[in-house]
Protein backbone atom coordinates (compact mmCIF):
# COMPACT_ATOMS: atom_id res chain seq x y z
CA MET A 1 -1.25 -15.92 -13.93
CA PRO A 2 -2.23 -12.72 -12.33
CA ILE A 3 -2.65 -13.74 -8.88
CA ASP A 4 -2.82 -11.29 -6.04
CA ARG A 5 -0.15 -12.13 -3.50
CA LEU A 6 -0.30 -9.20 -1.30
CA TYR A 7 -4.10 -10.18 0.12
CA GLY A 8 -4.16 -13.72 -1.03
CA CYS A 9 -7.97 -14.12 -1.69
CA ASN A 10 -8.45 -13.04 -5.40
CA PHE A 11 -7.40 -12.72 -8.58
CA GLY A 12 -8.56 -9.39 -8.48
CA TYR A 13 -9.30 -6.47 -10.75
CA ASP A 14 -5.79 -4.62 -10.13
CA TYR A 15 -2.40 -6.67 -10.04
CA LYS A 16 -0.52 -5.54 -6.62
CA PRO A 17 3.13 -5.79 -6.21
CA PRO A 18 3.98 -8.98 -4.02
CA MET A 19 5.33 -6.84 -1.11
CA HIS A 20 5.83 -10.02 1.51
CA LEU A 21 7.81 -11.50 -0.64
CA LEU A 22 10.04 -8.21 -1.34
CA GLN A 23 10.31 -7.85 2.10
CA LEU A 24 11.52 -11.49 2.46
CA ALA A 25 13.84 -11.26 -0.22
CA THR A 26 15.21 -7.77 0.90
CA PHE A 27 15.92 -9.64 4.38
CA ALA A 28 17.43 -12.50 2.50
CA ARG A 29 19.93 -10.17 0.97
CA ASP A 30 20.90 -7.92 4.07
CA ARG A 31 20.66 -10.36 6.83
CA ALA A 32 22.11 -13.62 4.96
CA GLY A 33 24.15 -11.92 2.09
CA TRP A 34 22.18 -13.62 -0.63
CA ASP A 35 22.26 -12.59 -4.32
CA VAL A 36 18.51 -11.95 -4.86
CA ARG A 37 16.57 -11.89 -8.20
CA LEU A 38 12.83 -11.04 -7.43
CA LEU A 39 10.86 -12.44 -10.42
CA ASP A 40 7.14 -11.33 -10.82
CA CYS A 41 6.39 -12.49 -14.25
CA PRO A 42 2.99 -10.73 -14.53
CA ALA A 43 4.20 -7.82 -13.90
CA GLU A 44 7.08 -8.26 -16.18
CA GLY A 45 5.44 -9.60 -18.99
CA LEU A 46 7.12 -13.03 -18.74
CA ASP A 47 4.83 -16.02 -20.04
CA ALA A 48 6.00 -19.55 -18.98
CA ARG A 49 8.28 -19.66 -21.73
CA ALA A 50 10.21 -16.71 -21.00
CA PHE A 51 10.42 -17.65 -17.34
CA GLU A 52 11.84 -21.05 -18.21
CA ARG A 53 14.61 -19.33 -20.81
CA LEU A 54 15.53 -16.77 -17.84
CA ALA A 55 15.87 -19.77 -15.36
CA ALA A 56 17.89 -21.74 -17.83
CA ALA A 57 20.25 -18.74 -18.24
CA GLU A 58 20.85 -17.79 -14.68
CA ARG A 59 20.39 -21.36 -12.95
CA TRP A 60 19.35 -20.25 -9.55
CA ASP A 61 20.60 -22.12 -6.40
CA VAL A 62 17.37 -21.45 -4.32
CA SER A 63 13.52 -20.80 -5.20
CA VAL A 64 11.56 -19.11 -2.95
CA SER A 65 7.83 -19.03 -3.68
CA TRP A 66 5.29 -16.56 -2.19
CA SER A 67 2.29 -19.26 -2.17
CA THR A 68 -1.29 -17.94 -1.45
CA TYR A 69 -4.00 -20.72 -1.35
CA LEU A 70 -4.75 -19.70 -5.23
CA SER A 71 -1.13 -19.77 -6.53
CA ALA A 72 -0.19 -22.92 -4.92
CA GLU A 73 -0.72 -25.23 -7.86
CA GLU A 74 1.20 -22.59 -10.11
CA ASP A 75 3.93 -22.22 -7.46
CA LEU A 76 4.44 -26.22 -7.18
CA HIS A 77 4.47 -26.13 -11.10
CA ALA A 78 7.24 -23.62 -11.20
CA ALA A 79 9.01 -25.41 -8.81
CA LYS A 80 8.85 -28.54 -10.88
CA VAL A 81 10.37 -26.57 -13.69
CA LEU A 82 13.18 -24.98 -11.99
CA ARG A 83 13.98 -28.60 -10.81
CA ALA A 84 14.19 -29.76 -14.21
CA ILE A 85 16.62 -27.08 -15.10
CA ASN A 86 18.82 -27.31 -11.93
CA PRO A 87 18.30 -30.76 -10.43
CA GLY A 88 20.27 -29.65 -7.32
CA MET A 89 18.14 -26.76 -6.56
CA GLN A 90 16.48 -26.31 -3.10
CA ASN A 91 13.02 -25.18 -3.27
CA VAL A 92 11.34 -22.93 -0.68
CA PHE A 93 7.66 -22.34 -0.09
CA ALA A 94 6.18 -19.75 2.11
CA ALA A 95 2.93 -18.12 3.03
CA THR A 96 -0.64 -19.19 3.56
CA ALA A 97 -0.93 -22.39 1.36
CA PRO A 98 2.62 -24.18 2.66
CA THR A 99 1.72 -23.00 6.25
CA TRP A 100 -1.94 -24.57 6.22
CA LYS A 101 -0.72 -27.92 4.13
CA PRO A 102 2.95 -28.03 4.45
CA GLU A 103 2.80 -31.65 3.24
CA GLU A 104 1.68 -30.99 0.08
CA PHE A 105 4.76 -28.94 -0.38
CA VAL A 106 7.58 -30.56 1.23
CA THR A 107 7.77 -33.81 -0.92
CA ASP A 108 11.26 -34.28 -1.26
CA ALA A 109 14.60 -33.88 0.49
CA GLN A 110 14.95 -30.33 -1.55
CA ARG A 111 11.62 -28.75 -0.76
CA TRP A 112 11.13 -26.72 2.50
CA ALA A 113 8.46 -24.91 4.09
CA LEU A 114 8.55 -21.56 6.12
CA LEU A 115 5.70 -22.04 8.68
CA GLY A 116 4.09 -18.59 9.82
CA GLU A 117 6.21 -15.76 10.08
CA PRO A 118 9.43 -16.66 7.51
CA GLU A 119 12.23 -14.22 7.52
CA ASN A 120 14.11 -15.61 10.56
CA THR A 121 13.30 -19.16 9.31
CA LEU A 122 14.48 -18.51 6.03
CA VAL A 123 17.99 -17.20 7.36
CA GLU A 124 18.41 -20.32 9.64
CA LEU A 125 17.50 -22.55 6.97
CA ALA A 126 20.65 -21.25 4.88
CA GLU A 127 22.55 -22.06 8.02
CA VAL A 128 21.37 -25.69 7.39
CA TRP A 129 22.74 -25.64 3.99
CA SER A 130 25.92 -24.52 5.00
CA GLY A 131 26.34 -27.01 7.45
CA THR A 132 26.62 -24.86 10.55
CA ARG A 133 22.79 -25.74 11.89
CA ARG A 134 21.21 -28.85 12.06
CA ARG A 135 17.26 -28.60 10.60
CA GLU A 136 15.63 -29.98 13.56
CA THR A 137 16.71 -26.92 15.60
CA VAL A 138 15.13 -24.67 13.31
CA ASP A 139 11.76 -23.38 14.51
CA GLY A 140 8.89 -22.76 12.09
CA LEU A 141 10.61 -24.92 9.53
CA GLY A 142 9.03 -27.88 7.55
CA TYR A 143 10.87 -30.47 5.92
CA LEU A 144 11.29 -34.14 5.23
CA ASP A 145 13.13 -36.70 7.22
CA HIS A 146 11.47 -40.22 7.18
CA GLY A 147 8.15 -38.34 6.86
CA PHE A 148 7.24 -34.65 7.34
CA LYS A 149 8.52 -33.14 10.45
CA ARG A 150 8.01 -29.40 11.71
CA GLY A 151 10.49 -27.40 14.12
CA GLY A 152 8.73 -25.80 17.31
CA PHE A 153 6.70 -22.55 17.04
CA ARG A 154 8.48 -19.39 15.60
CA ASP A 155 8.54 -16.67 18.02
CA LEU A 156 7.55 -13.21 16.36
CA LEU A 157 10.20 -10.95 14.98
CA ASP A 158 10.60 -7.28 15.87
CA VAL A 159 8.68 -5.39 13.06
CA PRO A 160 10.81 -2.18 13.76
CA GLY A 161 13.78 -4.07 12.84
CA LEU A 162 12.89 -5.15 9.46
CA PRO A 163 14.50 -3.29 6.61
CA ILE A 164 12.82 -1.38 4.30
CA PRO A 165 11.84 -3.68 1.33
CA ASP A 166 13.99 -2.65 -1.57
CA ARG A 167 11.77 -1.71 -4.50
CA ARG A 168 14.64 -1.49 -6.51
CA LEU A 169 13.88 -5.18 -6.74
CA LEU A 170 10.99 -5.25 -8.63
CA LYS A 171 11.03 -5.13 -12.32
CA GLY A 172 7.66 -4.94 -13.18
CA THR A 173 4.82 -1.94 -13.51
CA TYR A 174 1.58 -1.89 -11.44
CA ARG A 175 -1.54 0.08 -11.59
CA ALA A 176 -4.49 0.81 -9.50
CA ASN A 177 -8.29 1.40 -10.39
CA ARG A 178 -8.64 3.41 -7.12
CA LEU A 179 -5.73 5.45 -7.70
CA ASP A 180 -5.02 8.36 -10.52
CA LYS A 181 -1.64 8.51 -10.61
CA TYR A 182 1.26 6.08 -11.54
CA PRO A 183 3.77 4.53 -11.28
CA VAL A 184 2.09 2.54 -8.15
CA THR A 185 3.42 0.81 -5.75
CA ALA A 186 2.10 -0.97 -2.13
CA ALA A 187 3.32 -0.60 1.64
CA VAL A 188 2.99 -2.58 4.30
CA PHE A 189 3.89 -0.75 7.67
CA SER A 190 2.61 -3.26 10.19
CA ARG A 191 1.68 -6.83 11.10
CA GLY A 192 -1.02 -7.78 13.14
CA CYS A 193 -4.70 -6.23 13.80
CA GLY A 194 -5.88 -6.13 17.28
CA PHE A 195 -9.50 -6.70 16.85
CA ARG A 196 -11.41 -9.97 16.91
CA CYS A 197 -13.57 -10.53 13.72
CA THR A 198 -14.45 -13.81 13.24
CA PHE A 199 -14.45 -13.88 9.29
CA CYS A 200 -11.37 -11.74 8.71
CA THR A 201 -8.81 -12.90 6.21
CA PRO A 202 -6.60 -10.03 6.44
CA ASN A 203 -3.35 -9.35 4.41
CA ALA A 204 -1.38 -12.68 3.35
CA VAL A 205 1.46 -12.47 6.00
CA ASP A 206 -0.98 -12.15 8.64
CA GLN A 207 -3.16 -14.97 7.71
CA THR A 208 0.35 -16.83 7.54
CA ILE A 209 1.17 -15.98 11.07
CA GLU A 210 -2.76 -16.34 12.41
CA LEU A 211 -2.74 -19.65 11.12
CA GLU A 212 0.53 -20.83 13.07
CA PHE A 213 -1.25 -19.07 16.15
CA LYS A 214 -4.25 -20.80 15.59
CA ARG A 215 -2.87 -24.21 15.41
CA LEU A 216 -1.35 -23.78 18.88
CA GLN A 217 -4.54 -23.11 20.51
CA PRO A 218 -6.99 -26.03 21.33
CA THR A 219 -10.01 -23.00 21.17
CA TYR A 220 -8.88 -20.09 19.00
CA LYS A 221 -9.31 -16.83 20.53
CA ASP A 222 -6.07 -15.27 20.98
CA ARG A 223 -4.84 -13.56 17.71
CA PRO A 224 -1.28 -12.26 17.04
CA PRO A 225 -0.16 -9.30 18.57
CA LEU A 226 -0.13 -6.09 16.54
CA ARG A 227 3.15 -4.56 15.59
CA LYS A 228 3.79 -1.52 14.01
CA ARG A 229 6.87 0.30 12.20
CA THR A 230 8.05 3.73 14.14
CA VAL A 231 6.66 7.03 12.41
CA ASP A 232 10.33 7.68 11.52
CA GLN A 233 10.37 4.48 9.61
CA ILE A 234 7.16 5.12 7.84
CA VAL A 235 8.18 8.36 6.75
CA ALA A 236 11.67 7.14 5.49
CA GLU A 237 10.03 4.24 3.43
CA MET A 238 7.61 6.99 2.14
CA GLU A 239 10.67 9.03 1.14
CA ASP A 240 12.39 6.27 -0.73
CA ILE A 241 9.32 5.20 -2.63
CA HIS A 242 9.03 9.02 -3.97
CA ALA A 243 12.85 8.98 -4.45
CA LEU A 244 12.45 5.58 -6.89
CA GLY A 245 9.83 7.66 -8.78
CA TYR A 246 6.72 6.21 -7.62
CA ARG A 247 3.65 8.48 -7.27
CA ALA A 248 1.28 6.69 -5.76
CA VAL A 249 0.79 4.26 -2.95
CA GLU A 250 -1.51 1.72 -1.83
CA ILE A 251 -1.23 1.33 1.83
CA ALA A 252 -2.05 -2.89 2.56
CA ASP A 253 -1.81 -2.46 6.19
CA ASN A 254 -5.18 -3.93 8.27
CA VAL A 255 -5.38 -0.48 9.82
CA LEU A 256 -3.61 2.18 9.33
CA THR A 257 -5.10 4.70 11.66
CA TRP A 258 -3.90 3.83 15.08
CA GLY A 259 -4.50 6.99 16.73
CA LYS A 260 -5.05 10.65 15.84
CA THR A 261 -1.52 11.95 17.12
CA ARG A 262 0.55 9.26 15.36
CA THR A 263 -1.38 9.81 11.92
CA THR A 264 -1.49 13.29 11.76
CA GLU A 265 2.22 13.39 12.33
CA ILE A 266 2.96 10.72 9.64
CA CYS A 267 0.69 12.66 7.38
CA ASP A 268 2.00 16.06 7.80
CA ARG A 269 5.67 14.57 7.33
CA ILE A 270 4.75 12.73 3.94
CA ALA A 271 2.21 15.53 2.72
CA PRO A 272 5.69 17.61 0.94
CA LEU A 273 6.32 14.37 -0.94
CA GLY A 274 3.17 14.85 -2.99
CA LEU A 275 2.07 10.98 -2.93
CA GLN A 276 -1.40 10.10 -3.86
CA TRP A 277 -2.17 7.01 -1.57
CA ILE A 278 -5.11 5.09 -0.28
CA ALA A 279 -5.28 2.78 3.14
CA LEU A 280 -7.44 0.63 5.03
CA ALA A 281 -9.16 1.89 8.51
CA ARG A 282 -11.91 1.25 10.61
CA ALA A 283 -14.95 3.16 10.35
CA ASN A 284 -14.94 4.19 14.08
CA MET A 285 -11.47 5.26 14.06
CA LEU A 286 -12.26 7.96 11.07
CA HIS A 287 -14.59 10.24 12.90
CA ASP A 288 -12.24 13.00 13.73
CA VAL A 289 -12.39 15.28 11.15
CA ASP A 290 -8.73 17.26 11.95
CA MET A 291 -7.09 13.74 11.53
CA VAL A 292 -8.92 12.99 8.15
CA ARG A 293 -7.99 16.33 6.91
CA ALA A 294 -4.38 15.95 7.70
CA MET A 295 -4.70 12.84 5.59
CA GLY A 296 -6.47 14.44 2.70
CA ARG A 297 -3.73 17.03 2.65
CA ALA A 298 -0.85 14.33 2.85
CA GLY A 299 -2.22 13.02 -0.47
CA CYS A 300 -4.85 10.28 0.70
CA LYS A 301 -7.23 9.79 -2.11
CA MET A 302 -9.42 6.96 -0.71
CA VAL A 303 -9.98 5.41 2.56
CA TYR A 304 -11.39 2.04 2.78
CA MET A 305 -13.62 0.83 5.53
CA GLY A 306 -14.88 -2.61 6.08
CA SER A 307 -18.15 -1.99 6.94
CA GLU A 308 -19.17 -5.60 5.65
CA SER A 309 -23.01 -5.14 6.67
CA PHE A 310 -25.66 -2.77 7.28
CA ASP A 311 -27.55 -4.88 9.83
CA ASP A 312 -26.23 -4.43 13.47
CA GLY A 313 -27.29 -8.10 14.51
CA LEU A 314 -24.96 -9.33 11.80
CA LEU A 315 -22.20 -7.06 13.00
CA ASP A 316 -22.44 -8.54 16.25
CA ASP A 317 -22.46 -11.81 15.43
CA MET A 318 -19.27 -11.65 13.33
CA ALA A 319 -17.63 -9.63 16.20
CA LYS A 320 -16.96 -6.86 14.24
CA ASP A 321 -17.37 -4.35 17.66
CA LEU A 322 -18.63 -1.66 15.09
CA LYS A 323 -22.52 -0.13 14.26
CA VAL A 324 -24.01 0.99 11.23
CA LYS A 325 -24.01 4.33 12.62
CA ASP A 326 -20.32 4.54 13.00
CA VAL A 327 -20.00 3.47 9.15
CA ILE A 328 -22.39 6.75 8.34
CA LYS A 329 -20.38 8.76 10.36
CA ALA A 330 -17.22 8.00 8.88
CA VAL A 331 -18.44 8.35 5.33
CA ASN A 332 -19.87 11.70 6.03
CA VAL A 333 -16.55 12.88 8.11
CA CYS A 334 -14.06 11.80 4.91
CA ARG A 335 -16.30 13.66 2.56
CA GLU A 336 -16.07 16.77 4.86
CA ALA A 337 -12.51 16.25 5.03
CA GLY A 338 -11.97 15.82 1.39
CA VAL A 339 -10.88 12.06 1.35
CA GLU A 340 -13.25 10.03 -0.85
CA PRO A 341 -14.65 6.80 1.51
CA GLU A 342 -15.30 3.11 -0.07
CA VAL A 343 -17.53 0.62 1.85
CA SER A 344 -17.93 -3.00 1.63
CA VAL A 345 -20.49 -5.31 1.79
CA LEU A 346 -19.45 -9.06 2.65
CA MET A 347 -21.97 -11.42 2.24
CA GLY A 348 -22.15 -14.47 4.18
CA ALA A 349 -19.75 -13.61 6.99
CA SER A 350 -22.66 -14.68 9.50
CA PRO A 351 -24.74 -17.69 9.13
CA LYS A 352 -27.69 -15.53 9.81
CA GLU A 353 -27.25 -13.60 6.78
CA THR A 354 -30.55 -13.68 4.73
CA TRP A 355 -31.96 -12.09 1.43
CA LYS A 356 -33.57 -9.41 3.64
CA THR A 357 -30.30 -8.47 5.32
CA LEU A 358 -28.52 -8.49 2.14
CA PHE A 359 -31.01 -6.36 0.30
CA HIS A 360 -30.65 -3.94 3.20
CA SER A 361 -27.11 -4.01 2.95
CA TRP A 362 -27.13 -3.33 -0.64
CA ARG A 363 -29.66 -0.41 -0.36
CA SER A 364 -28.13 1.02 2.43
CA ALA A 365 -24.59 1.25 0.58
CA ARG A 366 -26.06 2.79 -2.17
CA GLN A 367 -27.72 5.25 -0.35
CA LEU A 368 -24.34 6.54 0.92
CA GLY A 369 -23.61 7.22 -2.86
CA THR A 370 -19.92 5.77 -2.50
CA ARG A 371 -18.11 5.61 -6.04
CA PHE A 372 -17.00 1.95 -4.93
CA VAL A 373 -18.46 -0.39 -2.67
CA HIS A 374 -16.50 -3.85 -2.24
CA PHE A 375 -18.65 -6.47 -2.68
CA SER A 376 -17.38 -10.20 -1.83
CA VAL A 377 -18.40 -13.45 -0.33
CA ALA A 378 -16.83 -14.56 2.87
CA LEU A 379 -14.47 -17.46 2.44
CA PRO A 380 -14.09 -19.33 5.49
CA SER A 381 -10.30 -19.16 5.50
CA PRO A 382 -8.25 -21.94 7.59
CA SER A 383 -7.14 -19.01 9.75
CA THR A 384 -10.64 -17.96 11.03
CA GLU A 385 -13.00 -18.67 13.38
CA LEU A 386 -15.90 -18.67 10.77
CA TYR A 387 -13.80 -21.73 9.20
CA ASP A 388 -14.37 -23.68 12.72
CA GLN A 389 -18.12 -22.81 12.38
CA ALA A 390 -17.99 -24.27 8.84
CA LYS A 391 -16.39 -27.20 9.49
CA GLU A 392 -18.33 -28.13 12.40
CA ASN A 393 -21.87 -27.44 10.88
CA GLY A 394 -21.20 -28.66 7.25
CA TRP A 395 -21.38 -25.53 5.53
CA PHE A 396 -18.20 -26.32 2.95
CA ILE A 397 -19.73 -27.57 -0.37
CA ASP A 398 -16.42 -30.00 -0.53
CA GLY A 399 -16.12 -30.66 3.13
CA ASP A 400 -13.50 -28.40 3.94
CA PHE A 401 -11.98 -24.87 2.57
CA VAL A 402 -10.66 -25.03 -0.98
CA PRO A 403 -8.88 -22.08 -2.68
CA ALA A 404 -11.24 -19.57 -4.29
CA ASP A 405 -11.70 -15.95 -5.54
CA ASN A 406 -13.79 -14.31 -3.07
CA SER A 407 -14.86 -11.81 -5.52
CA LYS A 408 -16.71 -13.90 -7.66
CA ASP A 409 -16.44 -17.46 -6.00
CA VAL A 410 -18.69 -19.46 -2.98
CA ILE A 411 -17.34 -22.21 -1.40
CA VAL A 412 -20.43 -22.80 1.38
CA ASN A 413 -24.13 -23.35 1.52
CA LEU A 414 -25.15 -21.15 4.60
CA PRO A 415 -28.40 -22.20 6.67
CA HIS A 416 -30.45 -19.35 4.99
CA LEU A 417 -28.84 -18.97 1.73
CA SER A 418 -27.53 -21.50 -0.70
CA ALA A 419 -23.96 -21.02 -2.62
CA ARG A 420 -26.10 -20.48 -6.05
CA GLU A 421 -27.85 -17.87 -3.75
CA LEU A 422 -25.21 -16.07 -2.70
CA ARG A 423 -23.39 -16.03 -6.09
CA LEU A 424 -26.19 -14.90 -7.73
CA ALA A 425 -26.40 -12.23 -4.79
CA LEU A 426 -23.01 -11.25 -5.50
CA LYS A 427 -23.75 -10.78 -9.40
CA LEU A 428 -26.30 -8.45 -8.58
CA ALA A 429 -24.63 -6.32 -6.34
CA TYR A 430 -21.81 -5.76 -8.84
CA ALA A 431 -24.68 -5.16 -11.77
CA THR A 432 -26.89 -2.46 -9.75
CA GLN A 433 -23.66 -0.58 -8.30
CA TYR A 434 -21.43 -0.23 -11.66
CA LEU A 435 -23.39 -0.95 -14.69
CA SER A 436 -26.59 1.64 -13.61
CA PRO A 437 -26.28 4.79 -15.28
CA ARG A 438 -25.13 6.60 -12.00
CA GLY A 439 -22.40 3.84 -11.51
CA ILE A 440 -21.18 4.33 -14.99
CA ARG A 441 -21.07 7.98 -14.77
CA GLN A 442 -19.17 7.94 -11.41
CA GLN A 443 -16.35 5.71 -13.10
CA ALA A 444 -16.24 7.72 -16.25
CA ALA A 445 -15.55 10.93 -14.32
CA HIS A 446 -12.17 9.58 -12.96
CA VAL A 447 -10.53 8.74 -16.07
CA GLY A 448 -7.70 10.86 -16.31
CA SER A 449 -5.98 9.85 -19.45
CA MET A 450 -5.86 7.20 -21.97
CA THR A 451 -3.85 4.57 -19.86
CA ASP A 452 -6.11 4.89 -17.17
CA LEU A 453 -8.91 4.51 -20.07
CA ARG A 454 -7.62 1.18 -20.91
CA HIS A 455 -7.08 -0.04 -17.72
CA LYS A 456 -10.64 0.75 -16.50
CA ALA A 457 -11.43 -0.83 -19.31
CA LYS A 458 -9.74 -4.00 -18.54
CA SER A 459 -11.61 -4.13 -15.21
CA ALA A 460 -14.82 -3.53 -16.88
CA VAL A 461 -14.38 -6.65 -19.10
CA LYS A 462 -13.36 -8.69 -16.32
CA LEU A 463 -16.66 -7.51 -14.49
CA LEU A 464 -18.80 -8.29 -17.65
CA ARG A 465 -17.40 -11.72 -18.00
CA PHE A 466 -17.99 -12.47 -14.16
CA LEU A 467 -21.76 -11.19 -14.94
CA GLY A 468 -21.94 -13.44 -18.13
CA GLU A 469 -20.59 -17.01 -16.37
CA ARG A 470 -23.06 -19.83 -15.97
CA ASP A 471 -22.72 -21.81 -12.77
CA GLN A 472 -20.10 -24.25 -13.01
CA ALA A 473 -19.16 -27.48 -10.87
CA ARG A 474 -20.72 -27.98 -7.60
CA ASN A 475 -23.10 -25.07 -7.36
CA GLY A 476 -21.03 -22.90 -9.86
CA ASN A 477 -18.33 -21.67 -7.05
CA ILE A 478 -15.45 -23.82 -7.20
CA ALA A 479 -12.37 -22.11 -9.25
CA PRO A 480 -10.68 -24.73 -11.69
CA GLY A 481 -7.33 -25.88 -10.26
CA HIS A 482 -6.63 -25.89 -6.38
CA VAL A 483 -4.56 -27.79 -3.85
CA THR A 484 -6.13 -30.68 -2.77
CA ALA A 485 -8.24 -30.20 0.64
CA GLY A 486 -9.18 -32.75 2.95
């Protein structure tokens, strides 16, 4: 299934390169000497039978799965298929799902979980297999020994010491609705965020790291530190991307714009490459028109800012450290600088959310007139403070978090909005934004080719299917198939 493993929270309208798995594969090859095959079945056009044929032909010794909450069931099935082909295979699971509930993955002596940041743990696990290390000495490792056991906390690695992810290992093709050029790839230049939003589910590797940080704290307050690649490393990776023939990049850092001087230097140095790219940034970091102009000159087509709500009271309640006026100013600065802005409305990120605040946020977002508004419902992920609130107050429909797609599913009843109401609100938001005459005109105006038209048409079909869905089990919010919770 085309499950997003980059952000890890939805099936999505675009299928993105599995960059965290690519980073792990590159690290295993360069630091441990592995012979690596990165397999991305949806991007390579491989169905289940083709997967089995390939596995039988190549008979790999080890499988490593980047298992997000949504992909966990499929990854467990894939491991079972692989072991039937090669009973001696070692199955390794990394990312959010095995870090949260490793006991569901580590069910025999040939299954292992990499808890938290995975790279160094995987290399040391290889030493266990070679007989040069004992498994109980490996920090961040989950294994079976008369019951489930876990190593100590894995210290965070030096991000500038990571190798550039080798995109030569990617055999598939990717596109993105928000980018006009292709082929498209993705990039992640940092780990961590530096802010404290109670609801935040950052990209999948940071969610994984935050889960381990949270597990060690009686009261979750300290988030993992921000760690960034150097300017030279970012430029070198963008040059490598260009040399490989990519023409567009989705930069998936939680925030890219860490300071005017740094951001401007990066932009000035990558501008000659002619790459088109999109990135994420906080609204209050987009107030300097000269910096945003430098981004535009360097090929930045769009910048996504997590506005989340257009109610200052809700923003304060979710510890956003942002005001509505910051978002409005950022949108205006981006337009002045020639960079397209995108805002978001995250429903239910605060228990104080009501129909009144929802309608106010929709109206405010529409008045800004951006082509894209990213609508979703907050999923209280286990790595967040919002999860603790939901557990304490009994908001979860199933009693605990269950994997769900935040672009269409709801897993909580909030004090002022039921799950049915939140799901209805999400449908109304999508319909008014994208199926209104203005919304259709805005999307049609950015169709640049027949390939682009087909991609946008597929996204539109997915949207229409969602809008036409009837409510399903438990208030219509639970996606079929998930790892057990509780």
